[in-house]
Amino acid sequence: MNYSELLALRSHLKTFDNIYKAKRIDDNTIILRFDKVYEYGFVMNRGSSTVYKTKQRRFLQNYNAPFDNLLEQLVTNSKIISIDIVSNDRVIRFALESKNSYKTQTFYLQFEFTGKFTNAIILNEDDIIIEALRHIDSSKSFRVVRPNVKLMPLIPRAQKIDSSFIDIESILSQNYAKLEKSKIDNIKHKLLTTMLAKQKSLKKLLVDMPQPQELENEYLQNNLYGTIILSNLHKIAPYSLKFDTYDFEGDPITIPLPKNTPINKMGNYFFDKAKKAKRKSLHIHIQKENINEKLDFLDTTINLIKNAREYEQLSFFIPQKPSQKKSKSIDENLNIVWIEGYKVYIGRNKNENKKLLEISKANDIWMHIRDISSAHVIIKTDKQNVPESVIKNAAGLCVEYSVKNAGDYIVDYTKRKFVKPGEDANVFYSNYKSIAARKEGIEIRT
């Protein structure tokens, strides 16, 4: 923010009496809530710092560094004494009063929009640093920023002031829109790059997959080679790389011989190759079906990412590190999304639906679309009460990954302990609740 905008921001914020919530929501962004409707984000990126205003949103990430703990302990529920611009520079300082069961404490929360050394700093009344977003040592700046060190004042500088009217609320809202668009575009690009690479790899597997007739011909040829070899073992010269003979119809045939294989085992060599081709031909349709199911799932994911308008919609697909090695092995080859920190599994087919029932625990939430064949969805609860927003978003994904036709659907959900597996991936469930979910698009009515 420029100096004139910061002056306008100070005047705007002076209408508030308290800070009800202070929290870091990403690496460099701290939000302050002065009422129950809006939040102000102080984006402390080096060289591109700004402030925005938006309606309050759910917190999707928690930070637990000492600075974050002090934001909660001191700044949250604090009283605003004054708001000032420091040293005629792009620095805004909140003088605050924090009350707890022991004493009342006066301190400062200072946001420095100073380019390379942009920072957020908590200080006591004597300008001794309590904690900061970034620590800066003497090798980088004459103003050392570390706990228990007195903060040196900034060198005063002349500032150009815009005397025209500044609509600060409009600027704050525009800042949010720009930041959100940039953030969404960057995440979309990263996610789509990953998804499109997976899609390309699966399509190549599909193209390179042998046709059933090719495998059948391979089976017949190797079976024939093995039979002829067994009938002519005594005619094969040691270390030969080929064997010229006649087939059982009397036609000449040349059989390529394997290297480093004893003559008495050459028949079995070809029979083993024939069996392998036969097994492959029997299962090739299953492999193709699995790849096509993965491609369908990826297509849906890619469309959801492309059509996402909010960060929350993209956050479902941002992978998180597994907390345990055991969890990583269980999750292998399963489809996982994350909703507000809750792990959510989505089954692509009957086998995966069965697998989800096997790995889920009694208090996990199971859901599917009522009266039609659909993906099963499991929300891992870890015995916690799951927010309604998580259930709503999970139901929406259940619909997105299950049906092609747009329209309104009813999704039933219950605890896993009330779901009894039946035959062929069918289930019987009780004690369920229902939620409506809509798939956007053009409805096809019959």
Protein backbone atom coordinates (compact mmCIF):
# COMPACT_ATOMS: atom_id res chain seq x y z
CA MET A 1 0.00 0.00 0.00
CA ASN A 2 1.18 3.53 -0.66
CA TYR A 3 1.42 6.13 2.09
CA SER A 4 -1.83 7.93 1.24
CA GLU A 5 -3.78 4.67 1.25
CA LEU A 6 -2.28 3.79 4.62
CA LEU A 7 -3.45 7.13 6.02
CA ALA A 8 -6.95 6.43 4.71
CA LEU A 9 -6.82 2.92 6.20
CA ARG A 10 -5.88 4.31 9.61
CA SER A 11 -8.83 6.73 9.53
CA HIS A 12 -11.16 3.90 8.54
CA LEU A 13 -9.94 1.49 11.24
CA LYS A 14 -10.16 4.14 13.97
CA THR A 15 -13.95 3.68 13.89
CA PHE A 16 -13.48 0.30 15.63
CA ASP A 17 -13.00 -0.21 19.37
CA ASN A 18 -11.80 -3.81 19.60
CA ILE A 19 -10.00 -6.61 17.77
CA TYR A 20 -12.09 -9.73 18.25
CA LYS A 21 -9.80 -12.11 16.38
CA ALA A 22 -6.19 -12.09 15.15
CA LYS A 23 -4.79 -15.06 13.27
CA ARG A 24 -2.23 -15.95 10.62
CA ILE A 25 -4.05 -17.74 7.79
CA ASP A 26 -1.14 -18.40 5.46
CA ASP A 27 2.63 -17.94 5.57
CA ASN A 28 2.54 -14.15 5.27
CA THR A 29 -1.09 -13.10 5.85
CA ILE A 30 -2.55 -12.03 9.20
CA ILE A 31 -6.26 -11.34 9.50
CA LEU A 32 -7.86 -8.99 12.01
CA ARG A 33 -11.57 -9.08 12.78
CA PHE A 34 -13.09 -5.91 14.23
CA ASP A 35 -16.73 -7.06 14.00
CA LYS A 36 -18.69 -10.25 13.30
CA VAL A 37 -19.02 -9.76 9.53
CA TYR A 38 -15.75 -8.72 7.88
CA GLU A 39 -12.07 -9.48 8.22
CA TYR A 40 -9.05 -7.43 7.17
CA GLY A 41 -6.08 -9.29 5.75
CA PHE A 42 -2.62 -7.81 6.21
CA VAL A 43 -0.55 -9.47 3.47
CA MET A 44 3.08 -9.09 4.53
CA ASN A 45 4.85 -10.33 1.39
CA ARG A 46 8.24 -8.73 0.82
CA GLY A 47 7.92 -6.23 -2.00
CA SER A 48 4.20 -6.81 -2.56
CA SER A 49 2.53 -6.14 0.79
CA THR A 50 -1.07 -4.94 0.92
CA VAL A 51 -4.29 -4.98 2.94
CA TYR A 52 -7.66 -6.35 1.88
CA LYS A 53 -11.18 -6.63 3.24
CA THR A 54 -13.62 -9.50 2.75
CA LYS A 55 -16.43 -11.32 4.52
CA GLN A 56 -15.26 -13.66 7.24
CA ARG A 57 -14.29 -17.13 6.07
CA ARG A 58 -13.51 -20.44 7.72
CA PHE A 59 -9.91 -20.97 8.74
CA LEU A 60 -8.39 -23.70 6.56
CA GLN A 61 -4.93 -23.79 8.14
CA ASN A 62 -3.45 -23.47 11.62
CA TYR A 63 -0.07 -22.03 12.55
CA ASN A 64 1.52 -22.66 15.94
CA ALA A 65 4.75 -20.67 15.97
CA PRO A 66 5.42 -18.42 19.01
CA PHE A 67 4.25 -15.41 16.98
CA ASP A 68 0.92 -17.14 16.27
CA ASN A 69 0.40 -18.09 19.90
CA LEU A 70 0.96 -14.46 20.95
CA LEU A 71 -1.51 -13.22 18.33
CA GLU A 72 -4.11 -15.40 20.03
CA GLN A 73 -3.07 -14.64 23.61
CA LEU A 74 -2.58 -10.88 23.29
CA VAL A 75 -4.27 -9.49 20.19
CA THR A 76 -7.45 -11.57 20.10
CA ASN A 77 -10.14 -9.85 22.21
CA SER A 78 -7.95 -6.80 22.78
CA LYS A 79 -9.11 -3.19 23.12
CA ILE A 80 -7.88 -0.59 20.63
CA ILE A 81 -6.32 2.43 22.38
CA SER A 82 -5.03 4.17 19.26
CA ILE A 83 -3.92 3.61 15.68
CA ASP A 84 -0.98 5.64 14.35
CA ILE A 85 1.37 5.97 11.40
CA VAL A 86 4.97 5.60 12.62
CA SER A 87 7.97 7.72 11.57
CA ASN A 88 6.09 9.28 8.66
CA ASP A 89 6.54 5.93 6.88
CA ARG A 90 4.42 3.05 5.62
CA VAL A 91 4.08 1.63 9.12
CA ILE A 92 0.76 1.34 10.94
CA ARG A 93 0.81 0.73 14.70
CA PHE A 94 -2.07 -0.50 16.85
CA ALA A 95 -1.76 0.41 20.53
CA LEU A 96 -3.74 -2.33 22.26
CA GLU A 97 -4.84 -3.37 25.72
CA SER A 98 -5.16 -7.04 26.55
CA LYS A 99 -7.00 -8.32 29.59
CA ASN A 100 -6.62 -11.75 31.12
CA SER A 101 -7.30 -13.26 34.51
CA TYR A 102 -4.01 -11.94 35.92
CA LYS A 103 -3.47 -8.41 34.63
CA THR A 104 -4.08 -5.79 31.97
CA GLN A 105 -1.25 -5.44 29.48
CA THR A 106 -0.64 -2.59 27.02
CA PHE A 107 1.37 -3.43 23.90
CA TYR A 108 1.76 -2.62 20.20
CA LEU A 109 0.99 -4.57 17.03
CA GLN A 110 2.97 -2.98 14.22
CA PHE A 111 2.66 -3.70 10.48
CA GLU A 112 5.62 -2.47 8.44
CA PHE A 113 4.97 -2.18 4.67
CA THR A 114 8.61 -1.38 3.94
CA GLY A 115 9.50 -3.50 0.91
CA LYS A 116 12.46 -5.78 1.59
CA PHE A 117 11.97 -5.64 5.36
CA THR A 118 8.16 -5.92 5.43
CA ASN A 119 7.17 -7.37 8.80
CA ALA A 120 4.57 -7.71 11.55
CA ILE A 121 5.94 -7.08 15.03
CA ILE A 122 4.50 -7.31 18.57
CA LEU A 123 6.18 -4.91 21.03
CA ASN A 124 5.77 -3.89 24.65
CA GLU A 125 5.27 -0.29 25.82
CA ASP A 126 9.03 0.34 25.78
CA ASP A 127 9.40 -0.80 22.14
CA ILE A 128 11.02 -4.06 23.23
CA ILE A 129 10.17 -6.77 20.70
CA ILE A 130 8.01 -9.54 22.12
CA GLU A 131 7.83 -11.52 18.86
CA ALA A 132 7.73 -10.97 15.09
CA LEU A 133 6.58 -12.65 11.91
CA ARG A 134 10.17 -12.50 10.62
CA HIS A 135 13.38 -12.31 12.61
CA ILE A 136 16.09 -10.07 11.12
CA ASP A 137 19.70 -10.08 12.34
CA SER A 138 22.36 -7.36 12.20
CA SER A 139 23.97 -8.77 9.05
CA LYS A 140 20.86 -7.84 7.08
CA SER A 141 19.70 -4.58 8.63
CA PHE A 142 20.62 -1.99 11.25
CA ARG A 143 17.15 -2.66 12.73
CA VAL A 144 17.54 -6.02 14.43
CA VAL A 145 14.21 -7.80 14.85
CA ARG A 146 14.44 -10.47 17.53
CA PRO A 147 12.61 -11.09 20.83
CA ASN A 148 13.82 -9.06 23.82
CA VAL A 149 15.62 -6.52 21.60
CA LYS A 150 14.62 -2.84 21.49
CA LEU A 151 13.32 -1.97 18.03
CA MET A 152 15.32 0.85 16.45
CA PRO A 153 13.21 3.65 14.95
CA LEU A 154 12.94 3.99 11.20
CA ILE A 155 14.77 6.81 9.46
CA PRO A 156 12.12 9.51 8.79
CA ARG A 157 11.52 10.21 5.12
CA ALA A 158 9.44 12.59 3.06
CA GLN A 159 6.25 11.09 1.69
CA LYS A 160 4.13 12.15 -1.25
CA ILE A 161 0.51 12.57 -0.12
CA ASP A 162 -2.42 12.27 -2.51
CA SER A 163 -4.84 15.04 -1.57
CA SER A 164 -7.72 13.59 -3.63
CA PHE A 165 -10.45 11.49 -2.02
CA ILE A 166 -9.44 7.87 -1.45
CA ASP A 167 -12.25 5.33 -1.33
CA ILE A 168 -10.36 2.98 0.96
CA GLU A 169 -13.16 0.42 1.32
CA SER A 170 -13.34 0.05 -2.44
CA ILE A 171 -9.55 -0.29 -2.63
CA LEU A 172 -9.55 -2.96 0.10
CA SER A 173 -12.23 -4.97 -1.71
CA GLN A 174 -10.40 -4.65 -5.03
CA ASN A 175 -7.18 -5.80 -3.36
CA TYR A 176 -8.96 -8.93 -2.16
CA ALA A 177 -10.36 -9.66 -5.62
CA LYS A 178 -6.91 -9.30 -7.22
CA LEU A 179 -5.19 -11.45 -4.61
CA GLU A 180 -7.84 -14.15 -4.77
CA LYS A 181 -7.73 -14.29 -8.57
CA SER A 182 -3.94 -14.49 -8.59
CA LYS A 183 -3.97 -17.17 -5.88
CA ILE A 184 -6.65 -19.21 -7.65
CA ASP A 185 -4.89 -18.92 -11.03
CA ASN A 186 -1.57 -20.11 -9.55
CA ILE A 187 -3.12 -23.06 -7.74
CA LYS A 188 -5.18 -24.00 -10.80
CA HIS A 189 -2.04 -24.00 -12.93
CA LYS A 190 -0.15 -26.26 -10.49
CA LEU A 191 -3.05 -28.68 -10.02
CA LEU A 192 -3.89 -28.87 -13.72
CA THR A 193 -0.24 -29.47 -14.62
CA THR A 194 -0.20 -32.47 -12.27
CA MET A 195 -3.60 -33.80 -13.38
CA LEU A 196 -2.89 -33.41 -17.11
CA ALA A 197 0.43 -35.25 -16.69
CA LYS A 198 -1.42 -38.15 -15.01
CA GLN A 199 -4.02 -38.07 -17.77
CA LYS A 200 -1.33 -38.20 -20.47
CA SER A 201 0.40 -41.12 -18.75
CA LEU A 202 -2.85 -43.11 -18.46
CA LYS A 203 -3.78 -42.45 -22.09
CA LYS A 204 -0.34 -43.69 -23.17
CA LEU A 205 -0.84 -46.87 -21.14
CA LEU A 206 -4.15 -47.36 -22.92
CA VAL A 207 -2.63 -46.83 -26.38
CA ASP A 208 0.36 -49.10 -25.66
CA MET A 209 -1.82 -51.87 -24.27
CA PRO A 210 -1.82 -54.94 -26.58
CA GLN A 211 -5.04 -55.99 -28.28
CA PRO A 212 -6.70 -59.25 -27.18
CA GLN A 213 -6.08 -60.81 -30.63
CA GLU A 214 -2.36 -59.97 -30.40
CA LEU A 215 -2.16 -61.76 -27.06
CA GLU A 216 -4.11 -64.73 -28.41
CA ASN A 217 -1.68 -64.99 -31.37
CA GLU A 218 1.26 -64.73 -28.95
CA TYR A 219 -0.22 -67.55 -26.86
CA LEU A 220 -0.74 -69.83 -29.89
CA GLN A 221 2.72 -69.11 -31.30
CA ASN A 222 4.61 -69.80 -28.05
CA ASN A 223 2.54 -72.91 -27.36
CA LEU A 224 3.42 -74.17 -30.85
CA TYR A 225 7.12 -73.36 -30.35
CA GLY A 226 7.16 -75.21 -27.03
CA THR A 227 5.50 -78.31 -28.48
CA ILE A 228 7.87 -78.42 -31.49
CA ILE A 229 10.93 -77.92 -29.25
CA LEU A 230 9.91 -80.82 -26.97
CA SER A 231 9.54 -83.06 -30.00
CA ASN A 232 12.96 -82.11 -31.38
CA LEU A 233 15.24 -81.66 -28.36
CA HIS A 234 17.79 -84.10 -29.78
CA LYS A 235 18.12 -82.04 -32.99
CA ILE A 236 18.99 -78.72 -31.33
CA ALA A 237 22.71 -77.89 -31.35
CA PRO A 238 24.16 -76.40 -28.14
CA TYR A 239 24.36 -72.58 -28.05
CA SER A 240 22.16 -72.22 -31.12
CA LEU A 241 20.20 -68.96 -31.39
CA LYS A 242 17.62 -70.39 -33.79
CA PHE A 243 16.19 -73.72 -34.80
CA ASP A 244 15.09 -74.42 -38.38
CA THR A 245 12.59 -77.26 -38.67
CA TYR A 246 9.04 -78.08 -39.84
CA ASP A 247 5.75 -77.57 -38.04
CA PHE A 248 3.09 -80.26 -37.68
CA GLU A 249 1.60 -79.29 -41.05
CA GLY A 250 4.92 -79.90 -42.79
CA ASP A 251 5.67 -76.24 -43.38
CA PRO A 252 9.16 -74.84 -42.70
CA ILE A 253 9.50 -72.81 -39.49
CA THR A 254 12.31 -70.91 -37.75
CA ILE A 255 12.13 -70.73 -33.95
CA PRO A 256 14.28 -68.07 -32.20
CA LEU A 257 15.95 -69.69 -29.19
CA PRO A 258 16.56 -67.97 -25.84
CA LYS A 259 20.11 -67.25 -24.70
CA ASN A 260 21.58 -68.91 -21.60
CA THR A 261 18.75 -71.46 -21.37
CA PRO A 262 19.57 -75.18 -21.25
CA ILE A 263 18.13 -77.13 -24.17
CA ASN A 264 16.05 -79.36 -21.87
CA LYS A 265 14.31 -76.27 -20.45
CA MET A 266 13.55 -74.53 -23.72
CA GLY A 267 10.13 -76.14 -24.04
CA ASN A 268 9.07 -74.85 -20.64
CA TYR A 269 10.45 -71.41 -21.55
CA PHE A 270 7.97 -71.12 -24.43
CA PHE A 271 5.10 -72.71 -22.47
CA ASP A 272 5.63 -70.14 -19.69
CA LYS A 273 5.49 -67.33 -22.25
CA ALA A 274 2.29 -68.83 -23.65
CA LYS A 275 0.68 -69.00 -20.19
CA LYS A 276 1.67 -65.40 -19.49
CA ALA A 277 0.09 -64.20 -22.75
CA LYS A 278 -3.05 -66.23 -21.99
CA ARG A 279 -3.38 -64.72 -18.50
CA LYS A 280 -2.85 -61.27 -19.91
CA SER A 281 -5.50 -61.77 -22.60
CA LEU A 282 -8.01 -62.90 -19.96
CA HIS A 283 -7.42 -59.79 -17.84
CA ILE A 284 -6.75 -57.16 -20.49
CA HIS A 285 -10.37 -55.97 -20.47
CA ILE A 286 -10.21 -55.49 -16.68
CA GLN A 287 -7.02 -53.42 -16.99
CA LYS A 288 -8.60 -51.28 -19.72
CA GLU A 289 -11.72 -50.83 -17.61
CA ASN A 290 -9.61 -49.72 -14.62
CA ILE A 291 -7.66 -47.22 -16.72
CA ASN A 292 -10.85 -45.83 -18.26
CA GLU A 293 -12.35 -45.43 -14.77
CA LYS A 294 -9.24 -43.55 -13.66
CA LEU A 295 -9.49 -41.35 -16.75
CA ASP A 296 -13.18 -40.63 -16.05
CA PHE A 297 -12.29 -39.68 -12.48
CA LEU A 298 -9.46 -37.46 -13.70
CA ASP A 299 -11.72 -35.81 -16.30
CA THR A 300 -14.19 -34.92 -13.54
CA THR A 301 -11.39 -33.61 -11.32
CA ILE A 302 -9.93 -31.51 -14.15
CA ASN A 303 -13.35 -29.99 -14.89
CA LEU A 304 -13.92 -29.21 -11.20
CA ILE A 305 -10.53 -27.49 -11.01
CA LYS A 306 -11.12 -25.52 -14.21
CA ASN A 307 -14.56 -24.36 -13.03
CA ALA A 308 -13.51 -23.52 -9.45
CA ARG A 309 -14.10 -19.89 -8.53
CA GLU A 310 -12.99 -19.97 -4.90
CA TYR A 311 -9.89 -21.21 -3.11
CA GLU A 312 -11.99 -23.52 -0.95
CA GLN A 313 -13.09 -25.47 -4.04
CA LEU A 314 -9.46 -25.93 -5.08
CA SER A 315 -8.28 -26.83 -1.58
CA PHE A 316 -10.07 -30.21 -1.91
CA PHE A 317 -7.39 -31.32 -4.39
CA ILE A 318 -4.27 -29.95 -2.71
CA PRO A 319 -2.48 -33.06 -1.36
CA GLN A 320 -1.45 -33.20 2.28
CA LYS A 321 1.35 -35.27 3.74
CA PRO A 322 0.22 -38.49 5.45
CA SER A 323 0.72 -38.41 9.21
CA GLN A 324 1.85 -42.03 9.39
CA LYS A 325 3.52 -44.59 7.11
CA LYS A 326 0.63 -46.97 7.80
CA SER A 327 -1.80 -44.37 6.49
CA LYS A 328 0.29 -43.97 3.33
CA SER A 329 0.13 -47.71 2.54
CA ILE A 330 -3.63 -47.82 3.16
CA ASP A 331 -4.19 -44.81 0.92
CA GLU A 332 -2.21 -46.20 -2.00
CA ASN A 333 -4.30 -46.27 -5.21
CA LEU A 334 -7.32 -44.71 -3.44
CA ASN A 335 -8.84 -41.35 -4.36
CA ILE A 336 -8.48 -38.78 -1.59
CA VAL A 337 -9.55 -35.17 -1.27
CA TRP A 338 -9.27 -32.86 1.74
CA ILE A 339 -12.17 -30.78 3.03
CA GLU A 340 -11.34 -28.37 5.86
CA GLY A 341 -8.62 -30.74 7.03
CA TYR A 342 -10.82 -33.87 6.92
CA LYS A 343 -9.61 -36.73 4.75
CA VAL A 344 -12.33 -37.83 2.32
CA TYR A 345 -12.18 -41.02 0.23
CA ILE A 346 -14.14 -41.39 -3.02
CA GLY A 347 -14.70 -44.83 -4.59
CA ARG A 348 -14.43 -45.08 -8.39
CA ASN A 349 -15.98 -48.52 -8.82
CA LYS A 350 -17.44 -51.52 -6.99
CA ASN A 351 -14.05 -52.81 -5.87
CA GLU A 352 -13.02 -49.45 -4.45
CA ASN A 353 -16.40 -49.02 -2.76
CA LYS A 354 -15.81 -52.38 -1.05
CA LYS A 355 -12.28 -51.33 -0.10
CA LEU A 356 -13.57 -48.13 1.52
CA LEU A 357 -15.94 -50.13 3.69
CA GLU A 358 -13.03 -52.34 4.77
CA ILE A 359 -10.64 -49.53 5.76
CA SER A 360 -13.19 -47.22 7.40
CA LYS A 361 -13.89 -47.19 11.14
CA ALA A 362 -17.18 -47.35 13.00
CA ASN A 363 -17.55 -43.59 13.53
CA ASP A 364 -16.44 -42.54 10.06
CA ILE A 365 -19.20 -41.11 7.87
CA TRP A 366 -20.32 -43.09 4.81
CA MET A 367 -22.46 -41.58 2.06
CA HIS A 368 -23.89 -42.29 -1.37
CA ILE A 369 -26.66 -41.05 -3.68
CA ARG A 370 -30.06 -42.46 -2.86
CA ASP A 371 -31.68 -44.99 -5.25
CA ILE A 372 -28.93 -45.02 -7.89
CA SER A 373 -25.56 -46.67 -8.32
CA SER A 374 -23.02 -44.12 -7.15
CA ALA A 375 -19.59 -43.59 -5.71
CA HIS A 376 -19.28 -44.36 -2.01
CA VAL A 377 -17.70 -41.58 0.02
CA ILE A 378 -16.01 -41.97 3.41
CA ILE A 379 -15.22 -39.01 5.66
CA LYS A 380 -12.54 -39.89 8.22
CA THR A 381 -13.77 -38.36 11.46
CA ASP A 382 -11.14 -39.45 14.00
CA LYS A 383 -14.09 -39.51 16.43
CA GLN A 384 -14.66 -35.77 15.95
CA ASN A 385 -17.95 -34.03 15.18
CA VAL A 386 -17.82 -33.22 11.47
CA PRO A 387 -19.01 -29.70 10.52
CA GLU A 388 -22.09 -29.45 8.31
CA SER A 389 -20.00 -27.63 5.70
CA VAL A 390 -17.74 -30.69 5.32
CA ILE A 391 -20.74 -33.00 4.87
CA LYS A 392 -22.26 -30.61 2.32
CA ASN A 393 -19.07 -30.40 0.26
CA ALA A 394 -18.49 -34.16 0.45
CA ALA A 395 -22.07 -34.78 -0.75
CA GLY A 396 -21.43 -32.39 -3.64
CA LEU A 397 -18.32 -34.34 -4.65
CA CYS A 398 -20.24 -37.62 -4.33
CA VAL A 399 -22.68 -36.30 -6.94
CA GLU A 400 -19.97 -34.84 -9.19
CA TYR A 401 -18.07 -38.13 -9.38
CA SER A 402 -21.16 -40.33 -9.75
CA VAL A 403 -23.46 -38.83 -12.40
CA LYS A 404 -23.15 -37.11 -15.77
CA ASN A 405 -26.62 -35.57 -15.89
CA ALA A 406 -27.14 -32.20 -14.19
CA GLY A 407 -29.90 -31.94 -11.63
CA ASP A 408 -30.81 -32.24 -7.97
CA TYR A 409 -29.91 -35.40 -6.03
CA ILE A 410 -30.44 -36.70 -2.51
CA VAL A 411 -27.35 -38.02 -0.75
CA ASP A 412 -27.85 -40.29 2.27
CA TYR A 413 -25.18 -40.45 4.94
CA THR A 414 -24.67 -42.33 8.19
CA LYS A 415 -21.92 -43.67 10.43
CA ARG A 416 -20.00 -46.61 9.00
CA LYS A 417 -21.18 -48.85 11.84
CA PHE A 418 -24.73 -48.61 10.46
CA VAL A 419 -23.69 -49.83 6.98
CA LYS A 420 -23.86 -53.57 6.27
CA PRO A 421 -22.15 -54.85 3.11
CA GLY A 422 -24.27 -57.00 0.80
CA GLU A 423 -23.47 -58.86 -2.40
CA ASP A 424 -21.81 -57.23 -5.41
CA ALA A 425 -20.95 -53.97 -3.55
CA ASN A 426 -24.57 -53.43 -2.51
CA VAL A 427 -25.13 -52.25 1.05
CA PHE A 428 -27.89 -51.98 3.63
CA TYR A 429 -27.83 -48.95 5.89
CA SER A 430 -29.88 -47.44 8.69
CA ASN A 431 -29.97 -44.43 11.07
CA TYR A 432 -29.17 -42.18 8.13
CA LYS A 433 -29.69 -38.51 7.36
CA SER A 434 -30.07 -36.92 3.94
CA ILE A 435 -28.76 -33.82 2.24
CA ALA A 436 -29.60 -32.31 -1.15
CA ALA A 437 -26.78 -31.77 -3.65
CA ARG A 438 -26.96 -30.27 -7.11
CA LYS A 439 -24.86 -30.97 -10.20
CA GLU A 440 -24.72 -27.86 -12.33
CA GLY A 441 -25.11 -27.98 -16.10
CA ILE A 442 -27.81 -28.77 -18.64
CA GLU A 443 -30.40 -31.20 -17.37
CA ILE A 444 -31.41 -34.03 -19.72
CA ARG A 445 -35.00 -35.01 -19.03
CA THR A 446 -36.55 -38.21 -20.38
